[in-house]
Amino acid sequence: MKEFIEYIAKQLVDVPENVVLEETVPNEKTIEITLRAGANDVGRVIGKQGKTALAMRTLLTAVAAKKGKRAILKIYDSEPVV
């Protein structure tokens, strides 16, 4: 699932090298994917009114449901928070 979201995100941004994904498994039924993109590219990943992010979450939920799991997608920019 991580590779699926990574492929989509890298196609959307200007600098694909700045896209970083981390996958954690809080429990056996849940998968949490954290996506980080460059500060200039995070808006492209989220999309207008969050529609791109919503579409990615919908696709991720469908893939996870097929495997009997629940998936969570979190999107951040890669700039450190001050």
Protein backbone atom coordinates (compact mmCIF):
# COMPACT_ATOMS: atom_id res chain seq x y z
CA MET A 1 0.00 0.00 0.00
CA LYS A 2 2.88 2.33 0.77
CA GLU A 3 4.28 1.91 -2.75
CA PHE A 4 0.85 2.65 -4.24
CA ILE A 5 0.52 5.99 -2.43
CA GLU A 6 4.18 6.83 -3.09
CA TYR A 7 3.67 6.34 -6.84
CA ILE A 8 0.62 8.63 -6.88
CA ALA A 9 2.31 11.34 -4.80
CA LYS A 10 5.50 11.36 -6.88
CA GLN A 11 3.47 11.84 -10.05
CA LEU A 12 1.79 14.93 -8.59
CA VAL A 13 4.78 16.91 -7.32
CA ASP A 14 7.53 18.91 -9.04
CA VAL A 15 10.35 17.40 -6.95
CA PRO A 16 9.63 13.68 -6.46
CA GLU A 17 12.85 13.20 -4.45
CA ASN A 18 11.28 15.19 -1.58
CA VAL A 19 8.39 12.75 -1.19
CA VAL A 20 8.99 10.51 1.83
CA LEU A 21 6.58 7.91 3.18
CA GLU A 22 6.64 6.09 6.49
CA GLU A 23 4.41 3.14 7.26
CA THR A 24 3.57 2.21 10.85
CA VAL A 25 1.33 -0.52 12.18
CA PRO A 26 -0.29 0.57 15.47
CA ASN A 27 -2.14 -2.76 15.67
CA GLU A 28 -2.77 -5.79 13.43
CA LYS A 29 -5.88 -4.26 11.81
CA THR A 30 -4.59 -0.73 11.18
CA ILE A 31 -1.93 0.71 8.87
CA GLU A 32 -0.87 4.34 9.20
CA ILE A 33 0.97 5.99 6.31
CA THR A 34 2.66 9.35 6.82
CA LEU A 35 3.44 11.27 3.64
CA ARG A 36 5.87 14.17 3.67
CA ALA A 37 6.41 16.40 0.64
CA GLY A 38 8.36 19.61 0.05
CA ALA A 39 6.79 22.82 1.28
CA ASN A 40 6.05 23.93 -2.30
CA ASP A 41 4.61 20.55 -3.30
CA VAL A 42 2.37 19.71 -0.35
CA GLY A 43 -0.42 21.82 -1.88
CA ARG A 44 -0.29 19.72 -5.03
CA VAL A 45 -0.66 16.54 -2.98
CA ILE A 46 -3.62 17.96 -1.03
CA GLY A 47 -5.28 19.53 -4.08
CA LYS A 48 -7.97 22.16 -4.31
CA GLN A 49 -10.29 21.92 -1.32
CA GLY A 50 -8.52 18.68 -0.36
CA LYS A 51 -10.00 16.72 -3.25
CA THR A 52 -6.75 15.03 -4.28
CA ALA A 53 -6.00 13.98 -0.71
CA LEU A 54 -9.55 12.70 -0.33
CA ALA A 55 -9.22 10.66 -3.53
CA MET A 56 -5.91 9.16 -2.33
CA ARG A 57 -7.49 8.28 1.02
CA THR A 58 -10.47 6.68 -0.74
CA LEU A 59 -8.20 4.53 -2.91
CA LEU A 60 -6.08 3.58 0.10
CA THR A 61 -9.18 2.63 2.08
CA ALA A 62 -10.37 0.40 -0.77
CA VAL A 63 -7.02 -1.38 -1.04
CA ALA A 64 -6.82 -1.84 2.73
CA ALA A 65 -10.40 -3.14 2.96
CA LYS A 66 -9.54 -5.81 0.41
CA LYS A 67 -6.88 -7.03 2.85
CA GLY A 68 -9.23 -6.74 5.84
CA LYS A 69 -7.43 -3.75 7.32
CA ARG A 70 -8.05 -0.07 8.04
CA ALA A 71 -5.71 2.56 6.58
CA ILE A 72 -4.95 6.11 7.68
CA LEU A 73 -3.12 8.63 5.48
CA LYS A 74 -1.50 11.68 7.10
CA ILE A 75 0.04 14.41 4.93
CA TYR A 76 2.68 16.87 6.16
CA ASP A 77 5.17 19.22 4.58
CA SER A 78 8.81 18.31 5.14
CA GLU A 79 9.78 21.69 6.61
CA PRO A 80 10.45 21.57 10.36
CA VAL A 81 7.82 23.22 12.54
CA VAL A 82 9.24 26.18 14.50
